[in-house]
Amino acid sequence: MPKINVYLPDELAEAVRDSGLPVSAICQRALEEAVRRITVIRRTALGDLDADQLAASLPSFTPRAVTVLSLAINAARDAGAPNVGTGHLLRAMITEGENLALRVLRAMEIEPTTLTWTEQDEPGGGPGLRYSTPAAVALEMLVAEAAALGHNYVGCEHLLIGLAAEPDGVAGRVLREAGADGKAVRRTVSAALSGYAHLRATKPPVGPEELSAVVREELRPLVQRVEALEARLS
């Protein structure tokens, strides 16, 4: 049986040894789940798209994420586009209006409704309506991001990371020009979810304004370190 080395931070490695957890079995199950999700999204991305079948074919996706994908598919079909591009996905995310990805952007002081772009055809696709190559890459990336963050679901916040990190699509260009590159979005998503968990534990329910305030507070030390570094380099 092939062997794969897994490297852990010193503190975590010590805690794992002390706990006596079956590392191999846990890693195997986690990898099996990640591979299954990637296989499903690849099958979906390469096949003819049917908005009505998405929920059944993507069971780990949240209802809002499924809604965003459905809106993007329908918008591309209505516009007679050759494929569903990253621009359709970003616009659908904004149209949905209530997902965590939009709160993440606002926490980064980016108002989603002010993002504008001209829809452009992206390469890729095939017979029928399919995702463009950049959109398919972004979808793979969002599944990988969810797995890397240890989440047992795939949501709009993961889609935002995938769109921002994908290098060739319309959405990535628009997001990066607004200041939302992949690394910054990933940090903000982590802060948002940490803040959300804290708020739910201490003062449910959580509103958008409360969450945005907590996210900004979670990001404050990071921003201060970046500003100090920039000051030393200038």
Protein backbone atom coordinates (compact mmCIF):
# COMPACT_ATOMS: atom_id res chain seq x y z
CA MET A 1 0.00 0.00 0.00
CA PRO A 2 1.50 3.39 -0.99
CA LYS A 3 2.59 5.67 1.85
CA ILE A 4 1.91 9.43 1.97
CA ASN A 5 3.66 11.62 4.54
CA VAL A 6 1.52 14.18 6.37
CA TYR A 7 3.36 17.08 8.01
CA LEU A 8 1.81 18.75 11.06
CA PRO A 9 2.77 21.80 13.14
CA ASP A 10 4.77 20.81 16.22
CA GLU A 11 1.98 21.60 18.72
CA LEU A 12 -0.63 19.69 16.73
CA ALA A 13 1.68 16.72 16.22
CA GLU A 14 2.31 16.55 19.97
CA ALA A 15 -1.41 16.81 20.74
CA VAL A 16 -2.18 14.04 18.24
CA ARG A 17 0.44 11.77 19.82
CA ASP A 18 -0.93 12.47 23.30
CA SER A 19 -4.51 11.76 22.22
CA GLY A 20 -3.68 8.43 20.61
CA LEU A 21 -5.88 9.21 17.60
CA PRO A 22 -5.71 6.78 14.65
CA VAL A 23 -4.09 9.29 12.28
CA SER A 24 -3.96 6.99 9.27
CA ALA A 25 -7.64 6.08 9.43
CA ILE A 26 -8.73 9.70 9.97
CA CYS A 27 -6.61 10.98 7.10
CA GLN A 28 -7.85 8.21 4.84
CA ARG A 29 -11.51 9.02 5.51
CA ALA A 30 -10.88 12.75 5.01
CA LEU A 31 -9.08 12.14 1.72
CA GLU A 32 -11.78 9.75 0.52
CA GLU A 33 -14.42 12.44 1.14
CA ALA A 34 -12.35 15.11 -0.62
CA VAL A 35 -11.76 12.85 -3.63
CA ARG A 36 -15.46 12.03 -3.79
CA ARG A 37 -16.39 15.71 -3.84
CA ILE A 38 -13.83 16.53 -6.50
CA THR A 39 -15.04 13.62 -8.64
CA VAL A 40 -18.65 14.78 -8.33
CA ILE A 41 -17.87 18.40 -9.24
CA ARG A 42 -15.72 17.32 -12.19
CA ARG A 43 -18.54 15.14 -13.47
CA THR A 44 -20.95 18.04 -13.07
CA ALA A 45 -18.60 20.56 -14.69
CA LEU A 46 -17.96 18.36 -17.70
CA GLY A 47 -21.57 17.32 -18.29
CA ASP A 48 -24.56 19.07 -19.78
CA LEU A 49 -25.93 21.44 -17.14
CA ASP A 50 -29.43 21.11 -15.73
CA ALA A 51 -30.28 23.61 -12.99
CA ASP A 52 -33.12 21.41 -11.73
CA GLN A 53 -30.79 18.49 -11.00
CA LEU A 54 -28.04 20.34 -9.13
CA ALA A 55 -29.28 19.71 -5.60
CA ALA A 56 -29.41 15.96 -6.22
CA SER A 57 -26.00 15.84 -7.91
CA LEU A 58 -24.22 18.09 -5.37
CA PRO A 59 -25.47 16.91 -1.95
CA SER A 60 -22.63 18.56 0.01
CA PHE A 61 -23.45 22.01 -1.41
CA THR A 62 -25.54 24.35 0.73
CA PRO A 63 -28.97 25.41 -0.59
CA ARG A 64 -27.65 28.93 -1.24
CA ALA A 65 -24.67 27.57 -3.20
CA VAL A 66 -27.03 25.41 -5.30
CA THR A 67 -29.23 28.47 -5.88
CA VAL A 68 -26.23 30.48 -7.08
CA LEU A 69 -25.19 27.75 -9.52
CA SER A 70 -28.76 27.46 -10.77
CA LEU A 71 -29.07 31.22 -11.28
CA ALA A 72 -25.80 31.24 -13.21
CA ILE A 73 -26.91 28.40 -15.48
CA ASN A 74 -30.27 30.00 -16.20
CA ALA A 75 -28.70 33.41 -16.85
CA ALA A 76 -26.21 31.95 -19.32
CA ARG A 77 -28.95 29.97 -21.07
CA ASP A 78 -31.25 33.01 -21.28
CA ALA A 79 -28.44 35.13 -22.70
CA GLY A 80 -27.55 32.51 -25.31
CA ALA A 81 -23.99 32.32 -23.95
CA PRO A 82 -21.75 29.52 -25.24
CA ASN A 83 -21.05 28.37 -21.66
CA VAL A 84 -21.49 29.31 -18.01
CA GLY A 85 -18.56 31.56 -17.17
CA THR A 86 -17.07 32.88 -13.96
CA GLY A 87 -18.84 36.17 -14.59
CA HIS A 88 -22.19 34.38 -14.53
CA LEU A 89 -21.24 32.74 -11.22
CA LEU A 90 -20.18 36.02 -9.61
CA ARG A 91 -23.28 37.85 -10.85
CA ALA A 92 -25.50 35.01 -9.57
CA MET A 93 -23.83 35.23 -6.17
CA ILE A 94 -24.65 38.94 -6.02
CA THR A 95 -28.19 38.36 -7.29
CA GLU A 96 -28.88 35.73 -4.62
CA GLY A 97 -28.27 38.51 -2.15
CA GLU A 98 -28.07 36.79 1.25
CA ASN A 99 -25.06 34.49 1.17
CA LEU A 100 -21.99 34.64 3.40
CA ALA A 101 -19.70 35.47 0.47
CA LEU A 102 -21.36 38.89 0.17
CA ARG A 103 -20.83 39.52 3.89
CA VAL A 104 -17.19 38.56 3.45
CA LEU A 105 -16.77 41.11 0.65
CA ARG A 106 -18.45 43.81 2.73
CA ALA A 107 -16.13 42.98 5.65
CA MET A 108 -13.30 43.66 3.18
CA GLU A 109 -14.96 47.03 2.49
CA ILE A 110 -16.05 45.94 -0.98
CA GLU A 111 -19.71 46.53 -1.76
CA PRO A 112 -20.70 43.63 -4.08
CA THR A 113 -23.46 45.57 -5.85
CA THR A 114 -20.92 48.14 -7.07
CA LEU A 115 -18.84 45.54 -8.91
CA THR A 116 -19.38 45.99 -12.63
CA TRP A 117 -18.05 44.24 -15.69
CA THR A 118 -18.96 43.39 -19.24
CA GLU A 119 -19.76 39.72 -19.63
CA GLN A 120 -17.17 38.06 -21.86
CA ASP A 121 -17.12 34.61 -23.40
CA GLU A 122 -14.56 32.35 -21.74
CA PRO A 123 -12.87 29.36 -23.40
CA GLY A 124 -14.12 25.83 -22.94
CA GLY A 125 -17.51 24.24 -22.82
CA GLY A 126 -18.83 21.65 -25.23
CA PRO A 127 -22.06 20.27 -26.65
CA GLY A 128 -25.04 21.74 -24.86
CA LEU A 129 -24.51 24.19 -22.03
CA ARG A 130 -21.44 23.54 -19.91
CA TYR A 131 -19.07 25.46 -17.69
CA SER A 132 -16.23 27.41 -19.24
CA THR A 133 -12.72 26.20 -18.46
CA PRO A 134 -12.10 28.98 -15.87
CA ALA A 135 -15.47 28.30 -14.25
CA ALA A 136 -14.75 24.56 -14.05
CA VAL A 137 -11.36 25.31 -12.48
CA ALA A 138 -12.99 27.66 -9.95
CA LEU A 139 -15.49 24.96 -9.02
CA GLU A 140 -12.73 22.44 -8.42
CA MET A 141 -10.90 25.00 -6.34
CA LEU A 142 -13.94 25.74 -4.19
CA VAL A 143 -14.30 22.05 -3.31
CA ALA A 144 -10.59 21.87 -2.49
CA GLU A 145 -10.87 25.01 -0.34
CA ALA A 146 -13.78 23.54 1.63
CA ALA A 147 -11.76 20.39 2.28
CA ALA A 148 -8.64 22.38 3.25
CA LEU A 149 -10.67 24.38 5.76
CA GLY A 150 -12.04 21.14 7.23
CA HIS A 151 -15.65 21.90 6.31
CA ASN A 152 -18.17 19.14 5.68
CA TYR A 153 -20.18 21.37 3.33
CA VAL A 154 -19.51 23.56 0.30
CA GLY A 155 -20.90 27.09 0.45
CA CYS A 156 -20.84 30.42 -1.36
CA GLU A 157 -17.87 31.55 0.72
CA HIS A 158 -15.83 28.72 -0.79
CA LEU A 159 -17.04 29.70 -4.25
CA LEU A 160 -15.82 33.25 -3.60
CA ILE A 161 -12.35 31.92 -2.77
CA GLY A 162 -12.35 29.80 -5.93
CA LEU A 163 -13.44 32.69 -8.15
CA ALA A 164 -10.90 35.08 -6.62
CA ALA A 165 -8.03 32.58 -6.90
CA GLU A 166 -8.81 31.36 -10.43
CA PRO A 167 -6.32 33.24 -12.66
CA ASP A 168 -7.97 33.43 -16.08
CA GLY A 169 -11.68 34.18 -15.63
CA VAL A 170 -13.63 37.41 -15.69
CA ALA A 171 -14.71 37.10 -12.04
CA GLY A 172 -11.16 36.71 -10.75
CA ARG A 173 -10.03 39.83 -12.57
CA VAL A 174 -12.98 41.86 -11.25
CA LEU A 175 -12.45 40.66 -7.66
CA ARG A 176 -8.69 41.22 -7.67
CA GLU A 177 -9.09 44.72 -9.10
CA ALA A 178 -11.44 45.44 -6.18
CA GLY A 179 -8.84 44.17 -3.70
CA ALA A 180 -10.16 40.65 -3.15
CA ASP A 181 -7.40 38.26 -4.20
CA GLY A 182 -7.52 34.59 -3.29
CA LYS A 183 -5.31 34.82 -0.19
CA ALA A 184 -7.15 37.84 1.23
CA VAL A 185 -10.54 36.22 0.65
CA ARG A 186 -9.40 32.96 2.25
CA ARG A 187 -8.21 34.81 5.39
CA THR A 188 -11.44 36.78 5.59
CA VAL A 189 -13.58 33.66 5.18
CA SER A 190 -11.68 31.99 8.02
CA ALA A 191 -12.16 35.07 10.18
CA ALA A 192 -15.84 35.28 9.26
CA LEU A 193 -16.53 31.69 10.21
CA SER A 194 -14.56 32.03 13.47
CA GLY A 195 -16.54 35.15 14.29
CA TYR A 196 -19.81 33.52 13.33
CA ALA A 197 -19.13 30.53 15.59
CA HIS A 198 -18.22 32.86 18.45
CA LEU A 199 -21.35 34.96 18.03
CA ARG A 200 -23.62 31.94 17.82
CA ALA A 201 -22.11 30.57 21.01
CA THR A 202 -22.48 33.84 22.92
CA LYS A 203 -25.36 35.79 21.43
CA PRO A 204 -27.60 34.11 18.83
CA PRO A 205 -29.04 35.01 16.38
CA VAL A 206 -26.38 36.71 14.28
CA GLY A 207 -27.17 39.58 11.94
CA PRO A 208 -25.09 40.79 8.97
CA GLU A 209 -23.88 43.92 10.78
CA GLU A 210 -22.73 41.97 13.84
CA LEU A 211 -20.89 39.43 11.71
CA SER A 212 -19.16 42.13 9.65
CA ALA A 213 -18.00 43.88 12.83
CA VAL A 214 -16.59 40.64 14.28
CA VAL A 215 -14.82 39.79 11.02
CA ARG A 216 -13.17 43.21 10.95
CA GLU A 217 -12.04 42.71 14.54
CA GLU A 218 -10.64 39.26 13.70
CA LEU A 219 -8.72 40.80 10.78
CA ARG A 220 -7.41 43.81 12.72
CA PRO A 221 -4.14 42.15 13.95
CA LEU A 222 -3.40 40.91 10.42
CA VAL A 223 -3.97 44.35 8.92
CA GLN A 224 -1.74 45.93 11.55
CA ARG A 225 1.08 43.49 10.78
CA VAL A 226 0.79 44.16 7.04
CA GLU A 227 0.81 47.94 7.59
CA ALA A 228 3.87 47.69 9.84
CA LEU A 229 5.68 45.61 7.22
CA GLU A 230 4.80 48.09 4.48
CA ALA A 231 6.05 50.96 6.66
CA ARG A 232 9.43 49.23 7.14
CA LEU A 233 9.77 48.57 3.41
CA SER A 234 8.84 52.11 2.33
